[in-house]
Amino acid sequence: MTDSDPNHSINTHLYLNRWIAVVHGRVIGVGTSRAQAERAARQIRPKDKIEVFFVDSAGQLNQRAPLRVAPEQWLTQHHLLQRVVNVLHAQQVDAYLVGGAVRDFLLGRKNIVDLDFAVPVDGVAAARLVADALDAAYYPLDAERGTGRVVFDRPAGSSSTRFYLDFASFRGRDLPTDLRDRDFTINAIALSLTGAPALIDPLNGLRDLENGQIKAVSNGAFRRDPVRVIRAVRQAVDFGFSIESRTAEQITQAADLLPLVSAERQRDELLKLLNTPAPGHAVRQLHRLQILPHILPEVAQMAGVTQSAPHHLDVFEHTLAAMDAWVELNSAGWPDIEETLRPKLPDYLRTLLPGELPVFKLMPLALLLHDTGKPRTRSQTGAAGQRKIQFLGHEKESAEVTRQVAHRLRLSGVARDFLETVVLHHLRPGLLSREPSLSRRAIFRFFQATDRQTFHAGAAVCLHALADHRATFAPGQGHQEEQTLLAVVNRLLAGYFEQRERLIEPPPLLSGRELIRELGLKPGPTIGQLLHRLKEAQATGVVSTRAEALAFVQSDPDFARLQSPDL
Protein backbone atom coordinates (compact mmCIF):
# COMPACT_ATOMS: atom_id res chain seq x y z
CA MET A 1 0.00 0.00 0.00
CA THR A 2 1.45 3.39 -0.98
CA ASP A 3 1.06 6.80 0.61
CA SER A 4 -1.06 7.83 -2.39
CA ASP A 5 -3.53 5.09 -1.53
CA PRO A 6 -6.37 6.70 0.50
CA ASN A 7 -6.47 3.56 2.67
CA HIS A 8 -2.87 3.89 3.85
CA SER A 9 -3.87 5.90 6.93
CA ILE A 10 -6.19 3.20 8.33
CA ASN A 11 -4.95 1.77 11.62
CA THR A 12 -5.55 -1.81 10.51
CA HIS A 13 -4.35 -3.29 13.81
CA LEU A 14 -7.68 -2.26 15.31
CA TYR A 15 -9.41 -4.72 12.97
CA LEU A 16 -7.21 -7.83 12.87
CA ASN A 17 -8.96 -10.88 11.37
CA ARG A 18 -12.07 -8.81 10.61
CA TRP A 19 -13.70 -7.51 7.45
CA ILE A 20 -13.84 -3.73 7.06
CA ALA A 21 -15.88 -1.55 4.69
CA VAL A 22 -14.09 1.61 3.56
CA VAL A 23 -15.25 4.84 1.89
CA HIS A 24 -12.65 7.45 0.91
CA GLY A 25 -10.09 5.97 3.28
CA ARG A 26 -12.42 5.82 6.30
CA VAL A 27 -13.65 2.62 7.95
CA ILE A 28 -17.44 2.86 8.21
CA GLY A 29 -18.37 -0.81 8.66
CA VAL A 30 -16.82 -3.77 10.48
CA GLY A 31 -17.93 -7.41 10.55
CA THR A 32 -16.90 -11.02 10.88
CA SER A 33 -17.97 -11.58 7.26
CA ARG A 34 -17.77 -9.54 4.07
CA ALA A 35 -21.57 -9.25 3.92
CA GLN A 36 -21.82 -8.06 7.53
CA ALA A 37 -19.26 -5.28 7.04
CA GLU A 38 -20.81 -4.13 3.77
CA ARG A 39 -24.32 -4.16 5.24
CA ALA A 40 -23.21 -1.96 8.14
CA ALA A 41 -21.63 0.49 5.71
CA ARG A 42 -24.70 0.64 3.48
CA GLN A 43 -26.79 1.80 6.41
CA ILE A 44 -24.58 4.88 6.69
CA ARG A 45 -23.49 5.54 3.10
CA PRO A 46 -26.05 3.84 0.83
CA LYS A 47 -24.98 5.60 -2.39
CA ASP A 48 -21.20 5.75 -2.05
CA LYS A 49 -18.75 3.32 -3.58
CA ILE A 50 -17.72 0.96 -0.81
CA GLU A 51 -14.52 -1.12 -0.74
CA VAL A 52 -14.42 -4.21 1.45
CA PHE A 53 -11.20 -5.76 2.75
CA PHE A 54 -10.12 -8.55 5.06
CA VAL A 55 -7.51 -7.46 7.62
CA ASP A 56 -5.17 -10.39 8.20
CA SER A 57 -3.26 -11.11 11.41
CA ALA A 58 -0.36 -8.95 10.16
CA GLY A 59 -2.62 -5.97 9.57
CA GLN A 60 -2.52 -6.24 5.77
CA LEU A 61 -5.59 -5.52 3.63
CA ASN A 62 -6.76 -8.37 1.40
CA GLN A 63 -9.63 -8.80 -1.01
CA ARG A 64 -10.24 -12.31 0.34
CA ALA A 65 -9.93 -13.99 3.70
CA PRO A 66 -7.21 -16.66 3.69
CA LEU A 67 -8.39 -20.24 3.35
CA ARG A 68 -7.50 -22.46 6.25
CA VAL A 69 -6.43 -25.46 4.17
CA ALA A 70 -5.25 -27.98 6.75
CA PRO A 71 -7.28 -31.18 6.22
CA GLU A 72 -4.98 -33.20 8.46
CA GLN A 73 -6.22 -31.04 11.35
CA TRP A 74 -9.93 -31.47 10.62
CA LEU A 75 -10.17 -34.80 12.38
CA THR A 76 -8.62 -33.46 15.56
CA GLN A 77 -10.88 -30.39 15.50
CA HIS A 78 -14.08 -32.31 14.78
CA HIS A 79 -14.20 -35.22 17.20
CA LEU A 80 -17.34 -36.77 15.73
CA LEU A 81 -15.74 -36.88 12.28
CA GLN A 82 -12.76 -38.67 13.83
CA ARG A 83 -15.10 -41.23 15.42
CA VAL A 84 -16.84 -41.85 12.09
CA VAL A 85 -13.50 -42.34 10.35
CA ASN A 86 -12.46 -44.84 13.02
CA VAL A 87 -15.66 -46.83 12.48
CA LEU A 88 -15.24 -46.84 8.70
CA HIS A 89 -11.60 -47.90 8.98
CA ALA A 90 -12.49 -50.73 11.35
CA GLN A 91 -15.11 -51.99 8.90
CA GLN A 92 -12.80 -51.44 5.89
CA VAL A 93 -15.27 -49.10 4.19
CA ASP A 94 -13.82 -46.54 1.78
CA ALA A 95 -15.49 -43.17 2.23
CA TYR A 96 -15.10 -39.55 1.20
CA LEU A 97 -16.28 -36.42 2.96
CA VAL A 98 -17.98 -34.30 0.29
CA GLY A 99 -20.13 -31.24 -0.30
CA GLY A 100 -20.70 -28.35 2.05
CA ALA A 101 -18.72 -29.78 4.96
CA VAL A 102 -15.47 -29.79 2.96
CA ARG A 103 -16.16 -26.26 1.75
CA ASP A 104 -16.91 -25.05 5.28
CA PHE A 105 -13.78 -26.66 6.72
CA LEU A 106 -11.74 -24.90 4.03
CA LEU A 107 -13.40 -21.60 4.88
CA GLY A 108 -12.54 -22.08 8.54
CA ARG A 109 -16.16 -22.24 9.63
CA LYS A 110 -16.95 -23.59 13.07
CA ASN A 111 -19.74 -25.78 14.44
CA ILE A 112 -20.20 -27.89 11.31
CA VAL A 113 -23.15 -30.18 12.04
CA ASP A 114 -24.03 -31.50 8.55
CA LEU A 115 -21.55 -34.08 7.25
CA ASP A 116 -22.07 -35.71 3.84
CA PHE A 117 -20.20 -38.86 2.86
CA ALA A 118 -19.92 -40.51 -0.55
CA VAL A 119 -19.25 -44.25 -0.54
CA PRO A 120 -18.71 -46.86 -3.28
CA VAL A 121 -21.09 -49.22 -1.47
CA ASP A 122 -24.73 -49.00 -0.40
CA GLY A 123 -25.09 -45.73 1.50
CA VAL A 124 -28.01 -47.02 3.53
CA ALA A 125 -25.95 -49.95 4.80
CA ALA A 126 -23.03 -47.63 5.60
CA ALA A 127 -25.34 -45.32 7.55
CA ARG A 128 -26.75 -48.23 9.55
CA LEU A 129 -23.25 -49.47 10.35
CA VAL A 130 -22.13 -46.05 11.64
CA ALA A 131 -25.37 -45.51 13.58
CA ASP A 132 -24.94 -48.83 15.37
CA ALA A 133 -21.36 -47.98 16.31
CA LEU A 134 -22.30 -44.51 17.60
CA ASP A 135 -25.51 -45.69 19.27
CA ALA A 136 -27.34 -43.08 17.18
CA ALA A 137 -30.65 -42.89 15.33
CA TYR A 138 -30.77 -43.83 11.65
CA TYR A 139 -33.24 -43.93 8.78
CA PRO A 140 -33.15 -44.31 4.97
CA LEU A 141 -33.46 -41.01 3.10
CA ASP A 142 -33.73 -42.57 -0.35
CA ALA A 143 -33.39 -46.34 -0.42
CA GLU A 144 -33.51 -46.51 -4.23
CA ARG A 145 -30.53 -44.17 -4.55
CA GLY A 146 -28.72 -45.68 -1.58
CA THR A 147 -28.89 -42.73 0.80
CA GLY A 148 -29.21 -43.05 4.57
CA ARG A 149 -29.06 -40.56 7.45
CA VAL A 150 -27.57 -40.85 10.92
CA VAL A 151 -28.86 -38.43 13.57
CA PHE A 152 -26.41 -38.07 16.43
CA ASP A 153 -27.11 -36.02 19.55
CA ARG A 154 -24.17 -34.82 21.61
CA PRO A 155 -24.11 -36.72 24.94
CA ALA A 156 -25.93 -35.25 27.93
CA GLY A 157 -23.90 -32.93 30.09
CA SER A 158 -22.47 -30.91 27.21
CA SER A 159 -23.98 -28.25 24.99
CA SER A 160 -26.98 -29.48 23.05
CA THR A 161 -26.06 -30.14 19.42
CA ARG A 162 -27.58 -32.42 16.82
CA PHE A 163 -25.45 -33.72 13.95
CA TYR A 164 -26.74 -35.08 10.65
CA LEU A 165 -24.51 -37.59 8.85
CA ASP A 166 -25.69 -38.49 5.34
CA PHE A 167 -24.19 -41.47 3.52
CA ALA A 168 -24.85 -41.76 -0.22
CA SER A 169 -23.72 -44.22 -2.85
CA PHE A 170 -21.65 -42.69 -5.64
CA ARG A 171 -23.66 -40.75 -8.21
CA GLY A 172 -22.31 -42.74 -11.14
CA ARG A 173 -19.49 -45.21 -11.49
CA ASP A 174 -16.84 -43.48 -9.35
CA LEU A 175 -16.00 -40.44 -7.23
CA PRO A 176 -15.00 -38.09 -10.12
CA THR A 177 -18.34 -38.83 -11.80
CA ASP A 178 -20.10 -38.14 -8.50
CA LEU A 179 -18.36 -34.77 -8.08
CA ARG A 180 -19.21 -33.71 -11.65
CA ASP A 181 -22.89 -34.31 -10.90
CA ARG A 182 -22.93 -31.71 -8.11
CA ASP A 183 -23.96 -28.05 -8.28
CA PHE A 184 -20.94 -25.75 -7.87
CA THR A 185 -17.22 -26.32 -8.00
CA ILE A 186 -16.79 -25.14 -4.39
CA ASN A 187 -19.13 -27.98 -3.35
CA ALA A 188 -17.39 -30.56 -5.57
CA ILE A 189 -14.27 -31.05 -3.45
CA ALA A 190 -13.82 -34.33 -1.58
CA LEU A 191 -11.66 -35.38 1.33
CA SER A 192 -10.40 -38.95 1.20
CA LEU A 193 -10.87 -40.65 4.55
CA THR A 194 -8.84 -43.72 3.61
CA GLY A 195 -5.30 -43.38 4.93
CA ALA A 196 -3.91 -39.86 5.36
CA PRO A 197 -6.62 -37.22 4.68
CA ALA A 198 -6.19 -35.82 1.16
CA LEU A 199 -8.20 -33.34 -0.88
CA ILE A 200 -9.58 -34.47 -4.24
CA ASP A 201 -10.44 -31.47 -6.44
CA PRO A 202 -10.96 -32.38 -10.12
CA LEU A 203 -12.95 -29.20 -10.91
CA ASN A 204 -10.66 -26.60 -9.30
CA GLY A 205 -13.14 -25.79 -6.58
CA LEU A 206 -10.33 -24.75 -4.24
CA ARG A 207 -9.26 -22.09 -6.73
CA ASP A 208 -12.83 -20.77 -6.91
CA LEU A 209 -12.99 -20.71 -3.11
CA GLU A 210 -9.80 -18.66 -3.01
CA ASN A 211 -11.20 -16.30 -5.66
CA GLY A 212 -14.54 -16.02 -3.89
CA GLN A 213 -16.51 -17.28 -6.87
CA ILE A 214 -19.63 -19.38 -7.40
CA LYS A 215 -19.19 -21.42 -10.57
CA ALA A 216 -21.41 -24.20 -11.90
CA VAL A 217 -19.74 -27.58 -12.39
CA SER A 218 -21.18 -27.90 -15.90
CA ASN A 219 -23.47 -26.27 -18.45
CA GLY A 220 -26.31 -28.57 -17.45
CA ALA A 221 -26.06 -28.14 -13.67
CA PHE A 222 -29.14 -25.91 -13.40
CA ARG A 223 -31.24 -27.83 -15.88
CA ARG A 224 -30.60 -31.05 -13.96
CA ASP A 225 -31.92 -29.37 -10.79
CA PRO A 226 -33.42 -25.88 -11.29
CA VAL A 227 -33.62 -25.14 -7.55
CA ARG A 228 -29.87 -24.60 -7.77
CA VAL A 229 -30.52 -21.15 -9.26
CA ILE A 230 -31.79 -20.01 -5.84
CA ARG A 231 -28.99 -21.86 -4.07
CA ALA A 232 -26.35 -20.10 -6.16
CA VAL A 233 -27.58 -16.71 -5.00
CA ARG A 234 -27.90 -17.89 -1.40
CA GLN A 235 -24.37 -19.21 -1.22
CA ALA A 236 -22.94 -16.15 -2.99
CA VAL A 237 -24.53 -13.88 -0.39
CA ASP A 238 -23.79 -16.19 2.54
CA PHE A 239 -20.07 -16.35 1.71
CA GLY A 240 -19.70 -12.83 0.28
CA PHE A 241 -18.79 -14.36 -3.11
CA SER A 242 -19.52 -13.25 -6.67
CA ILE A 243 -21.26 -15.40 -9.29
CA GLU A 244 -19.06 -16.21 -12.29
CA SER A 245 -20.38 -14.48 -15.43
CA ARG A 246 -21.10 -17.62 -17.45
CA THR A 247 -22.81 -19.18 -14.42
CA ALA A 248 -24.96 -16.05 -14.07
CA GLU A 249 -26.06 -16.43 -17.70
CA GLN A 250 -26.93 -20.08 -17.11
CA ILE A 251 -28.98 -19.12 -14.04
CA THR A 252 -31.06 -16.61 -16.01
CA GLN A 253 -31.60 -19.13 -18.80
CA ALA A 254 -32.75 -21.85 -16.39
CA ALA A 255 -34.91 -19.67 -14.12
CA ASP A 256 -38.10 -20.48 -16.03
CA LEU A 257 -37.65 -24.14 -15.06
CA LEU A 258 -38.28 -23.39 -11.37
CA PRO A 259 -42.01 -24.26 -11.62
CA LEU A 260 -40.87 -27.84 -12.32
CA VAL A 261 -39.38 -28.00 -8.81
CA SER A 262 -41.66 -29.04 -5.95
CA ALA A 263 -43.06 -26.19 -3.87
CA GLU A 264 -41.50 -27.72 -0.76
CA ARG A 265 -37.96 -27.58 -2.21
CA GLN A 266 -38.49 -24.02 -3.45
CA ARG A 267 -39.74 -23.04 0.00
CA ASP A 268 -36.82 -24.61 1.85
CA GLU A 269 -34.22 -22.99 -0.40
CA LEU A 270 -36.02 -19.63 -0.28
CA LEU A 271 -36.19 -19.62 3.53
CA LYS A 272 -32.47 -20.38 3.70
CA LEU A 273 -31.78 -17.49 1.34
CA LEU A 274 -33.94 -15.10 3.37
CA ASN A 275 -31.99 -16.04 6.51
CA THR A 276 -28.57 -15.16 5.11
CA PRO A 277 -26.66 -12.20 6.60
CA ALA A 278 -27.91 -9.90 3.81
CA PRO A 279 -31.42 -11.02 2.72
CA GLY A 280 -32.18 -7.72 0.99
CA HIS A 281 -29.12 -8.06 -1.21
CA ALA A 282 -30.03 -11.69 -1.87
CA VAL A 283 -33.52 -10.80 -3.12
CA ARG A 284 -32.05 -8.00 -5.23
CA GLN A 285 -29.82 -10.63 -6.86
CA LEU A 286 -32.84 -12.86 -7.49
CA HIS A 287 -34.42 -9.91 -9.27
CA ARG A 288 -31.28 -9.04 -11.27
CA LEU A 289 -30.90 -12.63 -12.47
CA GLN A 290 -34.62 -12.78 -13.43
CA ILE A 291 -35.39 -15.51 -10.91
CA LEU A 292 -37.88 -13.56 -8.80
CA PRO A 293 -40.81 -13.55 -11.28
CA HIS A 294 -40.72 -17.35 -11.32
CA ILE A 295 -40.96 -17.82 -7.54
CA LEU A 296 -42.44 -14.60 -6.14
CA PRO A 297 -43.99 -12.53 -8.95
CA GLU A 298 -45.87 -10.51 -6.33
CA VAL A 299 -42.54 -9.24 -4.99
CA ALA A 300 -41.12 -8.53 -8.45
CA GLN A 301 -44.14 -6.31 -9.16
CA MET A 302 -43.08 -3.91 -6.37
CA ALA A 303 -39.98 -2.77 -8.30
CA GLY A 304 -40.28 0.84 -9.44
CA VAL A 305 -43.47 1.57 -7.45
CA THR A 306 -42.73 5.02 -6.04
CA GLN A 307 -43.85 6.35 -2.66
CA SER A 308 -44.27 9.75 -1.01
CA ALA A 309 -42.27 11.04 1.94
CA PRO A 310 -41.20 10.03 4.49
CA HIS A 311 -40.28 7.08 2.26
CA HIS A 312 -37.04 7.69 0.40
CA LEU A 313 -37.05 4.40 -1.54
CA ASP A 314 -39.52 2.75 -3.87
CA VAL A 315 -41.61 -0.11 -2.50
CA PHE A 316 -39.19 -2.82 -3.65
CA GLU A 317 -36.03 -1.19 -2.31
CA HIS A 318 -37.80 -0.22 0.93
CA THR A 319 -38.75 -3.87 1.41
CA LEU A 320 -35.18 -5.05 0.89
CA ALA A 321 -33.90 -2.38 3.29
CA ALA A 322 -36.44 -3.52 5.91
CA MET A 323 -35.16 -7.10 5.65
CA ASP A 324 -31.58 -5.97 6.11
CA ALA A 325 -32.65 -3.76 9.02
CA TRP A 326 -34.18 -6.85 10.63
CA VAL A 327 -30.83 -8.66 10.43
CA GLU A 328 -28.99 -5.63 11.79
CA LEU A 329 -31.33 -5.18 14.76
CA ASN A 330 -31.56 -8.88 15.56
CA SER A 331 -27.80 -9.40 15.28
CA ALA A 332 -27.23 -6.46 17.62
CA GLY A 333 -29.61 -7.94 20.20
CA TRP A 334 -32.25 -5.20 19.89
CA PRO A 335 -30.23 -2.55 21.75
CA ASP A 336 -33.11 -0.04 21.93
CA ILE A 337 -35.49 -2.48 23.59
CA GLU A 338 -35.64 -2.04 27.37
CA GLU A 339 -32.93 -3.96 29.19
CA THR A 340 -35.36 -6.16 31.15
CA LEU A 341 -37.15 -7.21 27.95
CA ARG A 342 -34.16 -7.94 25.73
CA PRO A 343 -33.26 -11.33 27.28
CA LYS A 344 -36.79 -12.59 26.61
CA LEU A 345 -36.66 -12.03 22.85
CA PRO A 346 -34.34 -14.91 21.82
CA ASP A 347 -36.59 -17.57 23.36
CA TYR A 348 -39.66 -15.97 21.78
CA LEU A 349 -38.01 -15.87 18.35
CA ARG A 350 -36.98 -19.53 18.70
CA THR A 351 -40.60 -20.58 19.30
CA LEU A 352 -41.34 -23.45 16.92
CA LEU A 353 -44.37 -23.43 14.66
CA PRO A 354 -45.56 -26.61 12.89
CA GLY A 355 -43.04 -27.77 10.32
CA GLU A 356 -40.13 -27.18 12.71
CA LEU A 357 -40.02 -23.50 11.70
CA PRO A 358 -38.96 -21.07 14.43
CA VAL A 359 -40.49 -17.60 14.42
CA PHE A 360 -37.16 -15.95 13.54
CA LYS A 361 -36.94 -17.88 10.26
CA LEU A 362 -40.34 -16.60 9.15
CA MET A 363 -39.74 -12.94 10.00
CA PRO A 364 -37.70 -12.08 6.86
CA LEU A 365 -40.49 -13.62 4.76
CA ALA A 366 -43.08 -11.49 6.58
CA LEU A 367 -40.99 -8.39 5.84
CA LEU A 368 -40.57 -9.44 2.21
CA LEU A 369 -44.35 -9.69 1.78
CA HIS A 370 -45.57 -6.86 4.03
CA ASP A 371 -46.05 -4.32 1.21
CA THR A 372 -46.98 -6.63 -1.66
CA GLY A 373 -50.44 -5.05 -1.68
CA LYS A 374 -49.08 -1.60 -2.53
CA PRO A 375 -48.91 -1.99 -6.34
CA ARG A 376 -52.63 -2.92 -6.32
CA THR A 377 -53.73 -0.07 -4.02
CA ARG A 378 -51.57 2.83 -5.25
CA SER A 379 -53.39 6.12 -5.89
CA GLN A 380 -52.55 9.82 -6.01
CA THR A 381 -54.27 12.81 -4.47
CA GLY A 382 -53.71 16.56 -4.63
CA ALA A 383 -53.10 19.09 -7.35
CA ALA A 384 -50.20 18.97 -9.78
CA GLY A 385 -46.93 19.68 -8.03
CA GLN A 386 -48.39 18.70 -4.66
CA ARG A 387 -49.43 15.16 -5.38
CA LYS A 388 -49.30 12.64 -2.55
CA ILE A 389 -49.11 8.92 -3.20
CA GLN A 390 -51.19 6.71 -0.93
CA PHE A 391 -51.91 3.00 -0.55
CA LEU A 392 -55.24 2.83 1.24
CA GLY A 393 -55.92 -0.64 2.63
CA HIS A 394 -52.63 -2.02 1.40
CA GLU A 395 -52.13 -3.98 4.63
CA LYS A 396 -55.29 -6.01 3.95
CA GLU A 397 -54.29 -6.60 0.34
CA SER A 398 -50.77 -7.56 1.44
CA ALA A 399 -52.18 -10.01 4.00
CA GLU A 400 -54.23 -11.69 1.27
CA VAL A 401 -51.17 -11.94 -0.99
CA THR A 402 -49.22 -13.36 1.95
CA ARG A 403 -51.83 -16.06 2.49
CA GLN A 404 -51.68 -17.01 -1.19
CA VAL A 405 -47.88 -17.14 -1.24
CA ALA A 406 -47.70 -19.15 1.99
CA HIS A 407 -50.22 -21.63 0.60
CA ARG A 408 -48.28 -21.90 -2.66
CA LEU A 409 -45.08 -22.61 -0.71
CA ARG A 410 -46.84 -25.37 1.24
CA LEU A 411 -46.28 -23.78 4.63
CA SER A 412 -48.30 -25.21 7.50
CA GLY A 413 -51.66 -23.68 8.32
CA VAL A 414 -50.32 -22.18 11.54
CA ALA A 415 -47.31 -20.67 9.74
CA ARG A 416 -49.66 -19.20 7.11
CA ASP A 417 -51.86 -17.67 9.81
CA PHE A 418 -48.84 -16.30 11.64
CA LEU A 419 -47.46 -14.60 8.52
CA GLU A 420 -50.85 -13.24 7.53
CA THR A 421 -51.39 -11.82 11.03
CA VAL A 422 -48.01 -10.08 11.13
CA VAL A 423 -48.56 -8.52 7.71
CA LEU A 424 -52.17 -7.52 8.38
CA HIS A 425 -51.23 -5.66 11.56
CA HIS A 426 -47.78 -4.37 10.62
CA LEU A 427 -48.98 -0.74 10.65
CA ARG A 428 -50.60 -0.98 14.06
CA PRO A 429 -47.64 -0.07 16.34
CA GLY A 430 -46.94 2.96 14.17
CA LEU A 431 -50.56 4.08 14.35
CA LEU A 432 -50.53 3.66 18.14
CA SER A 433 -47.40 5.81 18.32
CA ARG A 434 -49.39 8.73 16.87
CA GLU A 435 -51.88 8.67 19.74
CA PRO A 436 -51.36 11.02 22.71
CA SER A 437 -50.94 8.04 25.04
CA LEU A 438 -51.10 4.25 25.01
CA SER A 439 -54.04 3.07 27.10
CA ARG A 440 -54.53 -0.31 28.73
CA ARG A 441 -57.47 -0.83 26.39
CA ALA A 442 -55.23 -0.25 23.34
CA ILE A 443 -52.69 -2.77 24.66
CA PHE A 444 -55.40 -5.36 25.28
CA ARG A 445 -56.97 -4.90 21.86
CA PHE A 446 -53.60 -5.04 20.11
CA PHE A 447 -52.85 -8.49 21.51
CA GLN A 448 -56.42 -9.70 21.06
CA ALA A 449 -55.99 -8.94 17.36
CA THR A 450 -52.54 -10.50 16.98
CA ASP A 451 -52.45 -13.51 19.33
CA ARG A 452 -54.10 -16.88 18.75
CA GLN A 453 -54.28 -20.15 20.66
CA THR A 454 -51.73 -21.66 18.26
CA PHE A 455 -49.30 -18.73 18.15
CA HIS A 456 -48.57 -15.30 19.62
CA ALA A 457 -47.74 -12.83 16.84
CA GLY A 458 -48.02 -9.56 18.78
CA ALA A 459 -44.35 -9.40 19.79
CA ALA A 460 -43.36 -10.27 16.21
CA VAL A 461 -45.51 -7.39 14.92
CA CYS A 462 -43.65 -5.04 17.28
CA LEU A 463 -40.21 -6.14 16.05
CA HIS A 464 -41.41 -6.05 12.44
CA ALA A 465 -42.51 -2.44 12.97
CA LEU A 466 -39.03 -1.42 14.15
CA ALA A 467 -37.34 -2.92 11.08
CA ASP A 468 -39.98 -1.41 8.78
CA HIS A 469 -39.51 2.03 10.34
CA ARG A 470 -35.70 1.82 10.13
CA ALA A 471 -36.05 1.36 6.34
CA THR A 472 -38.59 4.16 5.85
CA PHE A 473 -36.54 7.28 6.55
CA ALA A 474 -33.36 8.38 4.81
CA PRO A 475 -30.17 8.00 6.89
CA GLY A 476 -30.03 10.65 9.59
CA GLN A 477 -33.77 11.32 9.50
CA GLY A 478 -36.77 10.08 11.47
CA HIS A 479 -35.04 9.97 14.86
CA GLN A 480 -37.90 11.54 16.79
CA GLU A 481 -40.46 9.28 15.12
CA GLU A 482 -38.31 6.25 15.94
CA GLN A 483 -38.10 7.21 19.61
CA THR A 484 -41.88 7.59 19.78
CA LEU A 485 -42.37 4.20 18.13
CA LEU A 486 -39.84 2.62 20.48
CA ALA A 487 -41.75 3.89 23.50
CA VAL A 488 -44.92 2.19 22.22
CA VAL A 489 -43.11 -1.03 21.32
CA ASN A 490 -41.49 -1.20 24.74
CA ARG A 491 -44.87 -0.72 26.43
CA LEU A 492 -46.45 -3.43 24.28
CA LEU A 493 -43.59 -5.88 24.87
CA ALA A 494 -43.65 -5.17 28.60
CA GLY A 495 -47.35 -5.98 28.60
CA TYR A 496 -46.71 -9.25 26.78
CA PHE A 497 -43.65 -10.47 28.68
CA GLU A 498 -44.13 -8.97 32.15
CA GLN A 499 -47.79 -8.06 32.69
CA ARG A 500 -49.65 -10.63 30.63
CA GLU A 501 -52.06 -11.69 33.37
CA ARG A 502 -52.94 -8.11 34.22
CA LEU A 503 -53.15 -6.50 30.76
CA ILE A 504 -53.78 -9.25 28.21
CA GLU A 505 -55.01 -12.54 29.70
CA PRO A 506 -56.55 -11.84 33.13
CA PRO A 507 -57.81 -14.97 34.94
CA PRO A 508 -61.58 -15.24 34.26
CA LEU A 509 -63.84 -14.10 37.10
CA LEU A 510 -66.90 -15.77 35.58
CA SER A 511 -67.50 -18.67 33.21
CA GLY A 512 -70.22 -19.12 30.64
CA ARG A 513 -71.86 -21.79 32.79
CA GLU A 514 -71.97 -19.39 35.74
CA LEU A 515 -73.68 -16.74 33.61
CA ILE A 516 -76.30 -19.26 32.57
CA ARG A 517 -76.77 -20.73 36.05
CA GLU A 518 -76.62 -17.61 38.21
CA LEU A 519 -78.09 -14.98 35.89
CA GLY A 520 -80.55 -17.15 34.01
CA LEU A 521 -79.11 -16.43 30.56
CA LYS A 522 -79.77 -18.71 27.63
CA PRO A 523 -76.83 -20.46 25.90
CA GLY A 524 -75.71 -18.91 22.63
CA PRO A 525 -73.04 -16.78 20.94
CA THR A 526 -73.98 -13.74 23.02
CA ILE A 527 -72.51 -15.48 26.09
CA GLY A 528 -69.09 -15.47 24.42
CA GLN A 529 -69.45 -11.79 23.52
CA LEU A 530 -70.33 -10.91 27.11
CA LEU A 531 -67.32 -12.83 28.41
CA HIS A 532 -65.02 -11.08 25.94
CA ARG A 533 -66.22 -7.65 27.03
CA LEU A 534 -65.82 -8.71 30.66
CA LYS A 535 -62.25 -9.81 29.91
CA GLU A 536 -61.50 -6.38 28.43
CA ALA A 537 -63.02 -4.70 31.48
CA GLN A 538 -60.68 -6.74 33.69
CA ALA A 539 -57.65 -5.94 31.53
CA THR A 540 -58.41 -2.23 31.63
CA GLY A 541 -58.96 -2.17 35.40
CA VAL A 542 -62.70 -1.49 35.31
CA VAL A 543 -63.49 -4.81 37.00
CA SER A 544 -61.36 -6.62 39.59
CA THR A 545 -63.73 -8.76 41.71
CA ARG A 546 -66.41 -11.38 41.05
CA ALA A 547 -69.12 -9.08 42.38
CA GLU A 548 -67.97 -6.31 40.04
CA ALA A 549 -67.95 -8.82 37.19
CA LEU A 550 -71.58 -9.82 37.84
CA ALA A 551 -72.61 -6.17 38.03
CA PHE A 552 -70.71 -5.39 34.81
CA VAL A 553 -72.46 -8.19 32.92
CA GLN A 554 -75.87 -7.12 34.22
CA SER A 555 -75.23 -3.56 33.00
CA ASP A 556 -74.37 -4.73 29.49
CA PRO A 557 -77.06 -3.98 26.82
CA ASP A 558 -76.86 -7.59 25.61
CA PHE A 559 -77.77 -8.79 29.10
CA ALA A 560 -80.95 -6.73 29.03
CA ARG A 561 -81.89 -8.22 25.66
CA LEU A 562 -81.24 -11.74 26.88
CA GLN A 563 -83.58 -11.04 29.79
CA SER A 564 -86.31 -9.79 27.48
CA PRO A 565 -89.52 -11.84 27.41
CA ASP A 566 -89.17 -11.98 23.62
CA LEU A 567 -86.07 -14.10 24.11
Foldseek 3Di string as FASTA:
>chain_A
DDPVPLQPPDPLQVQECWKFKDASNDTQAIGNAQLRRVLSNCLFVVPGDIQMFGQHNVRDTHNDDQWPPDVLCPCVQDVVVVLLLVLCVVVVWWKKWFFPVVLCVRNVHPDAQETEIEGQDQQQVSQVSSCVVLVFDKDAPDNVQRKIWTWDWDDPPDDTDIHIYMYTYAPDNDLVVSLLLAFWQLRSWIWTSPPRTDIDRPQPNVVCSRQQETEGSDLCNCVVPVLVLLVSLQVCSQRVGYYDPVRLVSNLVNLLVVVVDALQSNLVSLLSSLPGLQNLVSVVSCVVSVNCCNQPVLLNVQPPQDADPPFPDGPNSLLSQLSNLLSVCVVVQNVLADPVLSVVVVVQQQDAAPVRDGNVSCLNVLSSQLQSQQVVQWDWDDDPPPIHIDRPPSLVVSLVSLLVSCVSSVHDPVSNLLSSLLSNCLCVLLVCLPDPDQALLNLQVLQVSQDDPRGGNSLVSLSSNLSSQSSGHRPPDDPVSSVSSSVSSNVSSCCVPPVVCQRHNPDQLDDLVCCCVVVVFDDDPVSVVLSVVLRSCRNRVVDDHSVSSVVSSCPDPVVVVRPDPVD
